[in-house]
Amino acid sequence: MNIIVCVKQVPATHKIRMDPETNTIMREGANAMFNPFDLYAIEEALKIRDRLGGKVKAISMGVLQVSEALKRLLILGLDDAFLLNDHMFAGADTLATAYTLALGIKTIGEYDLILWGKQAIDGDTARVGPELAEKLKITHITNVCEIQEINYRRIRVKQITDDGYKILETSLPAVITVGNTLNTLRMPSLRTFKRAR
């Protein structure tokens, strides 16, 4: 099972600086952390790989300092990490972000499943995951709280809705966005520390 997890770095403090000319967030040199919802997507990807085998790769779009943060994800046990970086990406809206990530994912190669956090805490739109699925022309399911069954052809999930829950099933490949009720994050092991080094 080849799984790609899309991760985003978000400002770690409420002191966000804005560029007065472009009205975009100034991310260079800012304290940052990974979007918390994305960490749950990473954990779920690792759990699936533990059961079915395969590879888990992370992809992110951001400034160069994100590359160091991506290396730290290898400590959790990811197999590879990719950073899409260009000054032309600055100030990208959700559609431009989805387009750029779709091109990056196509470059990485084969995938069965793409996992995301349900939304980024700095933008809160929850639109990039579904937009990415549209760009890749594959199915997406949002706001998943449980992956009930997965094999190389299909996935069945429990989705949180305004009225309760739905059980949905789709063929793979697919994009799934997850929340923080999906799992408990694992601690790094000595083996993954050594591998990441």
N, C-alpha and C. Protein backbone atom coordinates (compact mmCIF):
# COMPACT_ATOMS: atom_id res chain seq x y z
N MET A 1 0.86 -1.18 0.00
CA MET A 1 0.00 0.00 0.00
C MET A 1 0.90 1.24 0.00
N ASN A 2 0.78 2.06 -1.02
CA ASN A 2 1.54 3.30 -1.10
C ASN A 2 0.65 4.45 -0.65
N ILE A 3 1.06 5.07 0.45
CA ILE A 3 0.26 6.13 1.07
C ILE A 3 1.05 7.43 1.05
N ILE A 4 0.40 8.50 0.66
CA ILE A 4 0.99 9.83 0.73
C ILE A 4 0.21 10.63 1.75
N VAL A 5 0.94 11.28 2.65
CA VAL A 5 0.32 12.15 3.65
C VAL A 5 0.72 13.58 3.32
N CYS A 6 -0.26 14.45 3.16
CA CYS A 6 0.01 15.86 2.91
C CYS A 6 0.09 16.56 4.26
N VAL A 7 1.17 17.28 4.48
CA VAL A 7 1.36 17.97 5.76
C VAL A 7 1.62 19.45 5.51
N LYS A 8 1.21 20.25 6.46
CA LYS A 8 1.40 21.69 6.35
C LYS A 8 1.98 22.22 7.64
N GLN A 9 2.92 23.15 7.49
CA GLN A 9 3.41 23.85 8.67
C GLN A 9 2.56 25.08 8.88
N VAL A 10 2.20 25.32 10.13
CA VAL A 10 1.38 26.47 10.48
C VAL A 10 2.10 27.29 11.55
N PRO A 11 1.79 28.57 11.67
CA PRO A 11 2.44 29.39 12.70
C PRO A 11 2.20 28.81 14.09
N ALA A 12 3.26 28.76 14.89
CA ALA A 12 3.15 28.18 16.23
C ALA A 12 2.67 29.19 17.26
N THR A 13 2.60 30.43 16.89
CA THR A 13 2.15 31.46 17.83
C THR A 13 1.03 32.27 17.19
N HIS A 14 0.39 33.08 17.99
CA HIS A 14 -0.65 33.96 17.47
C HIS A 14 -0.07 35.24 16.89
N LYS A 15 1.26 35.39 16.97
CA LYS A 15 1.91 36.59 16.45
C LYS A 15 2.29 36.36 14.99
N ILE A 16 1.30 36.35 14.13
CA ILE A 16 1.52 36.13 12.71
C ILE A 16 1.83 37.47 12.06
N ARG A 17 2.92 37.48 11.29
CA ARG A 17 3.29 38.71 10.59
C ARG A 17 2.74 38.65 9.16
N MET A 18 2.20 39.77 8.72
CA MET A 18 1.66 39.86 7.37
C MET A 18 2.52 40.81 6.54
N ASP A 19 2.73 40.46 5.29
CA ASP A 19 3.43 41.34 4.36
C ASP A 19 2.47 42.47 3.99
N PRO A 20 2.83 43.72 4.28
CA PRO A 20 1.90 44.83 4.04
C PRO A 20 1.62 45.08 2.55
N GLU A 21 2.52 44.63 1.67
CA GLU A 21 2.31 44.86 0.24
C GLU A 21 1.44 43.78 -0.40
N THR A 22 1.65 42.53 0.02
CA THR A 22 0.93 41.43 -0.63
C THR A 22 -0.22 40.88 0.22
N ASN A 23 -0.27 41.28 1.50
CA ASN A 23 -1.29 40.78 2.44
C ASN A 23 -1.24 39.26 2.60
N THR A 24 -0.04 38.69 2.52
CA THR A 24 0.13 37.25 2.74
C THR A 24 0.91 37.04 4.03
N ILE A 25 0.75 35.83 4.61
CA ILE A 25 1.48 35.49 5.84
C ILE A 25 2.96 35.40 5.52
N MET A 26 3.80 36.01 6.36
CA MET A 26 5.25 35.94 6.20
C MET A 26 5.74 34.72 6.99
N ARG A 27 6.06 33.64 6.30
CA ARG A 27 6.43 32.39 6.94
C ARG A 27 7.92 32.25 7.16
N GLU A 28 8.73 32.95 6.39
CA GLU A 28 10.19 32.87 6.54
C GLU A 28 10.59 33.30 7.95
N GLY A 29 11.35 32.46 8.64
CA GLY A 29 11.85 32.78 9.96
C GLY A 29 10.83 32.72 11.08
N ALA A 30 9.59 32.40 10.76
CA ALA A 30 8.54 32.35 11.79
C ALA A 30 8.59 31.02 12.54
N ASN A 31 8.26 31.05 13.83
CA ASN A 31 8.13 29.80 14.57
C ASN A 31 6.96 29.04 13.99
N ALA A 32 7.15 27.75 13.75
CA ALA A 32 6.10 26.98 13.10
C ALA A 32 6.03 25.58 13.70
N MET A 33 4.90 24.94 13.46
CA MET A 33 4.69 23.55 13.87
C MET A 33 3.86 22.88 12.78
N PHE A 34 3.82 21.56 12.80
CA PHE A 34 2.96 20.89 11.85
C PHE A 34 1.51 21.06 12.27
N ASN A 35 0.65 21.17 11.28
CA ASN A 35 -0.77 21.25 11.54
C ASN A 35 -1.18 20.02 12.36
N PRO A 36 -1.77 20.19 13.54
CA PRO A 36 -2.08 19.05 14.41
C PRO A 36 -2.93 17.97 13.74
N PHE A 37 -3.90 18.34 12.92
CA PHE A 37 -4.74 17.33 12.27
C PHE A 37 -3.91 16.44 11.33
N ASP A 38 -2.87 17.00 10.72
CA ASP A 38 -2.03 16.22 9.81
C ASP A 38 -1.27 15.12 10.56
N LEU A 39 -0.95 15.35 11.82
CA LEU A 39 -0.25 14.32 12.61
C LEU A 39 -1.12 13.08 12.80
N TYR A 40 -2.43 13.27 12.91
CA TYR A 40 -3.34 12.12 13.01
C TYR A 40 -3.40 11.36 11.69
N ALA A 41 -3.30 12.09 10.58
CA ALA A 41 -3.25 11.44 9.27
C ALA A 41 -1.97 10.62 9.14
N ILE A 42 -0.85 11.16 9.63
CA ILE A 42 0.41 10.42 9.61
C ILE A 42 0.29 9.14 10.41
N GLU A 43 -0.26 9.24 11.61
CA GLU A 43 -0.40 8.05 12.47
C GLU A 43 -1.26 6.99 11.78
N GLU A 44 -2.36 7.41 11.16
CA GLU A 44 -3.22 6.44 10.49
C GLU A 44 -2.50 5.79 9.31
N ALA A 45 -1.73 6.57 8.58
CA ALA A 45 -0.96 6.01 7.46
C ALA A 45 0.03 4.96 7.95
N LEU A 46 0.69 5.23 9.06
CA LEU A 46 1.65 4.27 9.61
C LEU A 46 0.96 3.00 10.09
N LYS A 47 -0.24 3.15 10.69
CA LYS A 47 -1.00 1.98 11.13
C LYS A 47 -1.39 1.10 9.94
N ILE A 48 -1.82 1.74 8.86
CA ILE A 48 -2.19 0.98 7.66
C ILE A 48 -0.97 0.26 7.09
N ARG A 49 0.15 0.97 7.02
CA ARG A 49 1.38 0.34 6.51
C ARG A 49 1.80 -0.83 7.39
N ASP A 50 1.65 -0.69 8.72
CA ASP A 50 2.00 -1.77 9.63
C ASP A 50 1.19 -3.03 9.34
N ARG A 51 -0.07 -2.85 8.94
CA ARG A 51 -0.95 -4.00 8.65
C ARG A 51 -0.74 -4.56 7.24
N LEU A 52 -0.60 -3.66 6.25
CA LEU A 52 -0.63 -4.10 4.85
C LEU A 52 0.72 -4.03 4.15
N GLY A 53 1.72 -3.44 4.80
CA GLY A 53 3.00 -3.24 4.13
C GLY A 53 2.95 -2.02 3.23
N GLY A 54 4.05 -1.76 2.55
CA GLY A 54 4.11 -0.64 1.62
C GLY A 54 4.96 0.50 2.14
N LYS A 55 4.67 1.69 1.65
CA LYS A 55 5.46 2.88 1.98
C LYS A 55 4.53 4.04 2.37
N VAL A 56 5.03 4.87 3.29
CA VAL A 56 4.35 6.11 3.65
C VAL A 56 5.29 7.27 3.34
N LYS A 57 4.80 8.18 2.52
CA LYS A 57 5.60 9.35 2.12
C LYS A 57 4.83 10.61 2.47
N ALA A 58 5.56 11.62 2.92
CA ALA A 58 4.95 12.92 3.23
C ALA A 58 5.29 13.90 2.13
N ILE A 59 4.36 14.81 1.87
CA ILE A 59 4.62 15.91 0.93
C ILE A 59 4.11 17.19 1.57
N SER A 60 4.87 18.27 1.37
CA SER A 60 4.49 19.56 1.91
C SER A 60 4.89 20.64 0.92
N MET A 61 4.20 21.75 0.98
CA MET A 61 4.52 22.91 0.16
C MET A 61 4.85 24.04 1.13
N GLY A 62 6.05 24.62 0.99
CA GLY A 62 6.40 25.68 1.94
C GLY A 62 7.79 26.23 1.75
N VAL A 63 8.22 27.00 2.73
CA VAL A 63 9.54 27.62 2.71
C VAL A 63 10.60 26.57 3.03
N LEU A 64 11.87 26.89 2.74
CA LEU A 64 12.95 25.91 2.89
C LEU A 64 13.09 25.36 4.30
N GLN A 65 12.77 26.16 5.33
CA GLN A 65 12.92 25.67 6.69
C GLN A 65 11.99 24.49 6.98
N VAL A 66 10.97 24.29 6.16
CA VAL A 66 10.07 23.15 6.32
C VAL A 66 10.82 21.84 6.07
N SER A 67 11.88 21.89 5.26
CA SER A 67 12.63 20.65 4.97
C SER A 67 13.20 20.04 6.24
N GLU A 68 13.67 20.86 7.16
CA GLU A 68 14.18 20.33 8.43
C GLU A 68 13.06 19.68 9.24
N ALA A 69 11.90 20.30 9.24
CA ALA A 69 10.76 19.72 9.96
C ALA A 69 10.34 18.40 9.31
N LEU A 70 10.37 18.34 7.99
CA LEU A 70 10.01 17.09 7.30
C LEU A 70 10.97 15.96 7.66
N LYS A 71 12.23 16.29 7.83
CA LYS A 71 13.20 15.27 8.24
C LYS A 71 12.82 14.68 9.60
N ARG A 72 12.26 15.51 10.47
CA ARG A 72 11.86 15.01 11.78
C ARG A 72 10.71 14.00 11.68
N LEU A 73 9.92 14.10 10.61
CA LEU A 73 8.84 13.13 10.44
C LEU A 73 9.38 11.73 10.20
N LEU A 74 10.59 11.64 9.66
CA LEU A 74 11.20 10.32 9.46
C LEU A 74 11.41 9.61 10.79
N ILE A 75 11.55 10.38 11.87
CA ILE A 75 11.70 9.79 13.20
C ILE A 75 10.44 9.04 13.60
N LEU A 76 9.30 9.47 13.11
CA LEU A 76 8.05 8.77 13.40
C LEU A 76 7.91 7.48 12.61
N GLY A 77 8.74 7.32 11.57
CA GLY A 77 8.72 6.09 10.79
C GLY A 77 8.31 6.25 9.34
N LEU A 78 8.15 7.48 8.85
CA LEU A 78 7.83 7.66 7.44
C LEU A 78 9.00 7.20 6.59
N ASP A 79 8.70 6.76 5.38
CA ASP A 79 9.73 6.24 4.48
C ASP A 79 10.42 7.34 3.68
N ASP A 80 9.73 8.43 3.42
CA ASP A 80 10.31 9.51 2.64
C ASP A 80 9.51 10.78 2.85
N ALA A 81 10.12 11.91 2.51
CA ALA A 81 9.43 13.20 2.65
C ALA A 81 9.88 14.12 1.52
N PHE A 82 8.94 14.88 0.98
CA PHE A 82 9.20 15.76 -0.15
C PHE A 82 8.70 17.16 0.15
N LEU A 83 9.49 18.16 -0.24
CA LEU A 83 9.11 19.56 -0.06
C LEU A 83 9.01 20.23 -1.42
N LEU A 84 7.89 20.87 -1.68
CA LEU A 84 7.72 21.69 -2.87
C LEU A 84 7.97 23.13 -2.44
N ASN A 85 9.02 23.74 -3.02
CA ASN A 85 9.43 25.07 -2.59
C ASN A 85 9.73 25.94 -3.80
N ASP A 86 9.11 27.09 -3.85
CA ASP A 86 9.39 28.08 -4.88
C ASP A 86 8.78 29.40 -4.40
N HIS A 87 9.47 30.50 -4.62
CA HIS A 87 8.92 31.78 -4.19
C HIS A 87 7.61 32.09 -4.91
N MET A 88 7.35 31.46 -6.04
CA MET A 88 6.10 31.67 -6.77
C MET A 88 4.89 31.12 -6.01
N PHE A 89 5.13 30.21 -5.03
CA PHE A 89 4.03 29.62 -4.28
C PHE A 89 3.51 30.56 -3.18
N ALA A 90 4.24 31.61 -2.87
CA ALA A 90 3.86 32.50 -1.77
C ALA A 90 2.48 33.08 -2.01
N GLY A 91 1.65 33.03 -0.98
CA GLY A 91 0.32 33.60 -1.06
C GLY A 91 -0.67 32.76 -1.84
N ALA A 92 -0.33 31.49 -2.11
CA ALA A 92 -1.23 30.63 -2.88
C ALA A 92 -2.56 30.43 -2.15
N ASP A 93 -3.65 30.50 -2.89
CA ASP A 93 -4.95 30.20 -2.31
C ASP A 93 -5.14 28.68 -2.30
N THR A 94 -6.30 28.21 -1.88
CA THR A 94 -6.50 26.76 -1.74
C THR A 94 -6.43 26.06 -3.10
N LEU A 95 -6.95 26.68 -4.14
CA LEU A 95 -6.94 26.05 -5.46
C LEU A 95 -5.52 25.93 -6.00
N ALA A 96 -4.71 26.99 -5.85
CA ALA A 96 -3.32 26.94 -6.31
C ALA A 96 -2.52 25.93 -5.49
N THR A 97 -2.80 25.84 -4.20
CA THR A 97 -2.12 24.86 -3.34
C THR A 97 -2.48 23.44 -3.78
N ALA A 98 -3.75 23.18 -4.02
CA ALA A 98 -4.17 21.85 -4.47
C ALA A 98 -3.53 21.49 -5.81
N TYR A 99 -3.48 22.44 -6.72
CA TYR A 99 -2.88 22.21 -8.04
C TYR A 99 -1.40 21.86 -7.90
N THR A 100 -0.68 22.63 -7.10
CA THR A 100 0.75 22.40 -6.91
C THR A 100 1.01 21.05 -6.26
N LEU A 101 0.25 20.73 -5.21
CA LEU A 101 0.42 19.43 -4.55
C LEU A 101 0.06 18.28 -5.49
N ALA A 102 -0.96 18.45 -6.32
CA ALA A 102 -1.33 17.40 -7.28
C ALA A 102 -0.18 17.12 -8.24
N LEU A 103 0.47 18.17 -8.73
CA LEU A 103 1.62 17.97 -9.62
C LEU A 103 2.76 17.28 -8.89
N GLY A 104 2.97 17.67 -7.62
CA GLY A 104 4.03 17.03 -6.83
C GLY A 104 3.74 15.55 -6.61
N ILE A 105 2.50 15.23 -6.29
CA ILE A 105 2.12 13.83 -6.05
C ILE A 105 2.27 13.00 -7.32
N LYS A 106 1.90 13.57 -8.45
CA LYS A 106 2.09 12.85 -9.72
C LYS A 106 3.57 12.58 -9.98
N THR A 107 4.43 13.50 -9.56
CA THR A 107 5.87 13.33 -9.75
C THR A 107 6.41 12.24 -8.82
N ILE A 108 5.91 12.17 -7.61
CA ILE A 108 6.35 11.14 -6.66
C ILE A 108 6.09 9.75 -7.22
N GLY A 109 4.97 9.57 -7.86
CA GLY A 109 4.68 8.27 -8.47
C GLY A 109 3.41 7.64 -7.94
N GLU A 110 3.39 6.31 -7.94
CA GLU A 110 2.19 5.57 -7.59
C GLU A 110 1.72 5.83 -6.16
N TYR A 111 0.41 5.84 -5.98
CA TYR A 111 -0.18 5.98 -4.66
C TYR A 111 -1.51 5.25 -4.66
N ASP A 112 -1.87 4.71 -3.50
CA ASP A 112 -3.16 4.07 -3.31
C ASP A 112 -4.10 4.94 -2.50
N LEU A 113 -3.51 5.71 -1.58
CA LEU A 113 -4.30 6.49 -0.63
C LEU A 113 -3.55 7.77 -0.31
N ILE A 114 -4.30 8.88 -0.25
CA ILE A 114 -3.74 10.16 0.17
C ILE A 114 -4.51 10.59 1.41
N LEU A 115 -3.78 10.83 2.49
CA LEU A 115 -4.39 11.22 3.76
C LEU A 115 -4.02 12.66 4.10
N TRP A 116 -4.96 13.36 4.70
CA TRP A 116 -4.81 14.75 5.13
C TRP A 116 -5.42 14.92 6.51
N GLY A 117 -4.99 15.96 7.20
CA GLY A 117 -5.79 16.44 8.32
C GLY A 117 -7.03 17.11 7.74
N LYS A 118 -8.12 17.11 8.49
CA LYS A 118 -9.38 17.61 7.92
C LYS A 118 -9.33 19.09 7.55
N GLN A 119 -8.45 19.86 8.20
CA GLN A 119 -8.29 21.27 7.88
C GLN A 119 -7.01 21.77 8.52
N ALA A 120 -6.54 22.91 8.06
CA ALA A 120 -5.37 23.55 8.67
C ALA A 120 -5.85 24.57 9.69
N ILE A 121 -5.18 24.63 10.82
CA ILE A 121 -5.65 25.52 11.88
C ILE A 121 -5.37 26.99 11.58
N ASP A 122 -4.54 27.29 10.56
CA ASP A 122 -4.29 28.70 10.25
C ASP A 122 -5.22 29.24 9.17
N GLY A 123 -5.86 28.37 8.41
CA GLY A 123 -6.76 28.84 7.37
C GLY A 123 -8.19 28.37 7.61
N ASP A 124 -8.30 27.14 8.11
CA ASP A 124 -9.59 26.61 8.55
C ASP A 124 -10.62 26.48 7.42
N THR A 125 -10.16 26.32 6.17
CA THR A 125 -11.12 26.24 5.07
C THR A 125 -11.59 24.81 4.81
N ALA A 126 -10.74 23.81 5.09
CA ALA A 126 -11.03 22.40 4.82
C ALA A 126 -11.31 22.15 3.34
N ARG A 127 -10.69 22.94 2.46
CA ARG A 127 -10.97 22.83 1.03
C ARG A 127 -9.85 22.19 0.23
N VAL A 128 -8.61 22.21 0.71
CA VAL A 128 -7.49 21.76 -0.13
C VAL A 128 -7.57 20.26 -0.42
N GLY A 129 -7.94 19.44 0.57
CA GLY A 129 -8.06 18.00 0.34
C GLY A 129 -9.04 17.66 -0.76
N PRO A 130 -10.29 18.14 -0.68
CA PRO A 130 -11.24 17.88 -1.77
C PRO A 130 -10.80 18.47 -3.11
N GLU A 131 -10.20 19.65 -3.09
CA GLU A 131 -9.73 20.24 -4.35
C GLU A 131 -8.61 19.41 -4.96
N LEU A 132 -7.72 18.86 -4.12
CA LEU A 132 -6.67 17.98 -4.61
C LEU A 132 -7.27 16.75 -5.27
N ALA A 133 -8.28 16.16 -4.65
CA ALA A 133 -8.93 14.98 -5.22
C ALA A 133 -9.51 15.31 -6.60
N GLU A 134 -10.09 16.49 -6.73
CA GLU A 134 -10.63 16.90 -8.03
C GLU A 134 -9.52 17.03 -9.06
N LYS A 135 -8.38 17.60 -8.67
CA LYS A 135 -7.26 17.76 -9.59
C LYS A 135 -6.71 16.40 -10.03
N LEU A 136 -6.72 15.42 -9.11
CA LEU A 136 -6.22 14.09 -9.43
C LEU A 136 -7.30 13.20 -10.04
N LYS A 137 -8.54 13.70 -10.06
CA LYS A 137 -9.69 12.96 -10.60
C LYS A 137 -9.91 11.63 -9.87
N ILE A 138 -9.87 11.72 -8.52
CA ILE A 138 -10.15 10.55 -7.69
C ILE A 138 -11.18 10.94 -6.62
N THR A 139 -11.76 9.92 -5.99
CA THR A 139 -12.78 10.12 -4.96
C THR A 139 -12.17 10.72 -3.70
N HIS A 140 -12.98 11.46 -2.94
CA HIS A 140 -12.54 11.94 -1.63
C HIS A 140 -13.68 11.76 -0.63
N ILE A 141 -13.26 11.54 0.63
CA ILE A 141 -14.21 11.50 1.75
C ILE A 141 -13.61 12.37 2.85
N THR A 142 -14.40 13.30 3.35
CA THR A 142 -13.91 14.25 4.35
C THR A 142 -14.37 13.86 5.76
N ASN A 143 -13.67 14.44 6.74
CA ASN A 143 -14.07 14.38 8.15
C ASN A 143 -14.25 12.94 8.66
N VAL A 144 -13.27 12.10 8.36
CA VAL A 144 -13.33 10.69 8.74
C VAL A 144 -12.86 10.54 10.19
N CYS A 145 -13.61 9.78 10.98
CA CYS A 145 -13.24 9.53 12.37
C CYS A 145 -12.82 8.08 12.61
N GLU A 146 -13.00 7.22 11.60
CA GLU A 146 -12.58 5.83 11.75
C GLU A 146 -12.43 5.19 10.37
N ILE A 147 -11.32 4.50 10.17
CA ILE A 147 -11.16 3.66 8.98
C ILE A 147 -11.51 2.25 9.43
N GLN A 148 -12.64 1.76 8.95
CA GLN A 148 -13.15 0.48 9.42
C GLN A 148 -12.53 -0.70 8.69
N GLU A 149 -12.27 -0.52 7.41
CA GLU A 149 -11.69 -1.61 6.62
C GLU A 149 -10.96 -1.02 5.43
N ILE A 150 -9.80 -1.61 5.12
CA ILE A 150 -9.05 -1.17 3.95
C ILE A 150 -8.29 -2.36 3.38
N ASN A 151 -8.30 -2.44 2.05
CA ASN A 151 -7.44 -3.39 1.35
C ASN A 151 -6.89 -2.66 0.13
N TYR A 152 -6.28 -3.37 -0.77
CA TYR A 152 -5.64 -2.69 -1.89
C TYR A 152 -6.63 -2.14 -2.93
N ARG A 153 -7.90 -2.49 -2.81
CA ARG A 153 -8.89 -2.04 -3.77
C ARG A 153 -9.93 -1.08 -3.20
N ARG A 154 -10.27 -1.24 -1.91
CA ARG A 154 -11.38 -0.47 -1.34
C ARG A 154 -11.07 0.00 0.08
N ILE A 155 -11.82 1.02 0.49
CA ILE A 155 -11.73 1.51 1.86
C ILE A 155 -13.15 1.80 2.36
N ARG A 156 -13.42 1.43 3.62
CA ARG A 156 -14.70 1.74 4.27
C ARG A 156 -14.40 2.58 5.51
N VAL A 157 -15.11 3.71 5.64
CA VAL A 157 -14.81 4.65 6.71
C VAL A 157 -16.09 5.09 7.41
N LYS A 158 -15.89 5.64 8.60
CA LYS A 158 -16.98 6.28 9.35
C LYS A 158 -16.72 7.78 9.29
N GLN A 159 -17.72 8.51 8.80
CA GLN A 159 -17.60 9.95 8.61
C GLN A 159 -18.50 10.68 9.61
N ILE A 160 -17.96 11.71 10.24
CA ILE A 160 -18.77 12.56 11.12
C ILE A 160 -19.57 13.53 10.25
N THR A 161 -20.87 13.62 10.53
CA THR A 161 -21.74 14.56 9.81
C THR A 161 -22.44 15.45 10.83
N ASP A 162 -23.18 16.42 10.35
CA ASP A 162 -23.95 17.30 11.24
C ASP A 162 -25.01 16.53 12.02
N ASP A 163 -25.49 15.42 11.45
CA ASP A 163 -26.56 14.64 12.07
C ASP A 163 -26.08 13.39 12.79
N GLY A 164 -24.79 13.15 12.83
CA GLY A 164 -24.27 11.93 13.47
C GLY A 164 -23.12 11.35 12.66
N TYR A 165 -23.35 10.15 12.10
CA TYR A 165 -22.30 9.46 11.37
C TYR A 165 -22.86 8.83 10.10
N LYS A 166 -21.97 8.62 9.13
CA LYS A 166 -22.28 7.85 7.93
C LYS A 166 -21.17 6.82 7.75
N ILE A 167 -21.52 5.66 7.23
CA ILE A 167 -20.54 4.67 6.81
C ILE A 167 -20.45 4.76 5.30
N LEU A 168 -19.26 5.04 4.79
CA LEU A 168 -19.05 5.22 3.36
C LEU A 168 -17.97 4.27 2.88
N GLU A 169 -18.10 3.82 1.65
CA GLU A 169 -17.11 2.93 1.05
C GLU A 169 -16.80 3.43 -0.34
N THR A 170 -15.52 3.37 -0.73
CA THR A 170 -15.12 3.79 -2.07
C THR A 170 -13.94 2.95 -2.53
N SER A 171 -13.72 2.98 -3.82
CA SER A 171 -12.56 2.29 -4.37
C SER A 171 -11.32 3.16 -4.20
N LEU A 172 -10.17 2.56 -4.28
CA LEU A 172 -8.90 3.27 -4.22
C LEU A 172 -8.36 3.42 -5.64
N PRO A 173 -7.60 4.47 -5.91
CA PRO A 173 -7.09 5.47 -4.97
C PRO A 173 -8.16 6.47 -4.55
N ALA A 174 -7.92 7.10 -3.39
CA ALA A 174 -8.85 8.08 -2.85
C ALA A 174 -8.10 9.04 -1.94
N VAL A 175 -8.73 10.19 -1.70
CA VAL A 175 -8.24 11.17 -0.73
C VAL A 175 -9.17 11.10 0.47
N ILE A 176 -8.59 10.97 1.66
CA ILE A 176 -9.36 10.91 2.91
C ILE A 176 -8.84 12.01 3.83
N THR A 177 -9.75 12.82 4.39
CA THR A 177 -9.33 13.80 5.39
C THR A 177 -9.82 13.34 6.76
N VAL A 178 -8.97 13.50 7.77
CA VAL A 178 -9.24 12.94 9.10
C VAL A 178 -9.17 14.00 10.18
N GLY A 179 -9.85 13.72 11.28
CA GLY A 179 -9.84 14.60 12.44
C GLY A 179 -9.01 14.01 13.57
N ASN A 180 -9.08 14.65 14.72
CA ASN A 180 -8.26 14.24 15.86
C ASN A 180 -8.91 13.16 16.71
N THR A 181 -10.03 12.61 16.27
CA THR A 181 -10.66 11.52 17.02
C THR A 181 -10.31 10.16 16.42
N LEU A 182 -9.45 10.15 15.41
CA LEU A 182 -9.16 8.92 14.66
C LEU A 182 -8.27 7.95 15.43
N ASN A 183 -7.27 8.45 16.13
CA ASN A 183 -6.29 7.56 16.76
C ASN A 183 -5.50 8.32 17.83
N THR A 184 -4.56 7.62 18.43
CA THR A 184 -3.63 8.22 19.38
C THR A 184 -2.25 8.23 18.74
N LEU A 185 -1.56 9.35 18.83
CA LEU A 185 -0.26 9.47 18.18
C LEU A 185 0.78 8.58 18.86
N ARG A 186 1.63 7.95 18.05
CA ARG A 186 2.69 7.08 18.58
C ARG A 186 3.91 7.89 18.99
N MET A 187 4.72 7.28 19.82
CA MET A 187 6.00 7.88 20.21
C MET A 187 7.08 7.32 19.30
N PRO A 188 8.10 8.11 18.96
CA PRO A 188 9.19 7.60 18.14
C PRO A 188 9.94 6.48 18.86
N SER A 189 10.52 5.57 18.10
CA SER A 189 11.30 4.48 18.68
C SER A 189 12.78 4.72 18.41
N LEU A 190 13.64 3.99 19.11
CA LEU A 190 15.08 4.09 18.90
C LEU A 190 15.42 3.71 17.46
N ARG A 191 14.73 2.70 16.92
CA ARG A 191 14.97 2.28 15.54
C ARG A 191 14.67 3.39 14.54
N THR A 192 13.55 4.10 14.74
CA THR A 192 13.22 5.15 13.79
C THR A 192 14.13 6.38 13.96
N PHE A 193 14.61 6.63 15.19
CA PHE A 193 15.60 7.70 15.40
C PHE A 193 16.84 7.39 14.59
N LYS A 194 17.33 6.14 14.68
CA LYS A 194 18.55 5.77 13.94
C LYS A 194 18.34 5.85 12.45
N ARG A 195 17.18 5.38 11.98
CA ARG A 195 16.90 5.42 10.54
C ARG A 195 16.83 6.86 10.03
N ALA A 196 16.20 7.73 10.79
CA ALA A 196 16.05 9.13 10.38
C ALA A 196 17.39 9.83 10.28
N ARG A 197 18.34 9.44 11.16
CA ARG A 197 19.66 10.06 11.12
C ARG A 197 20.36 9.71 9.83
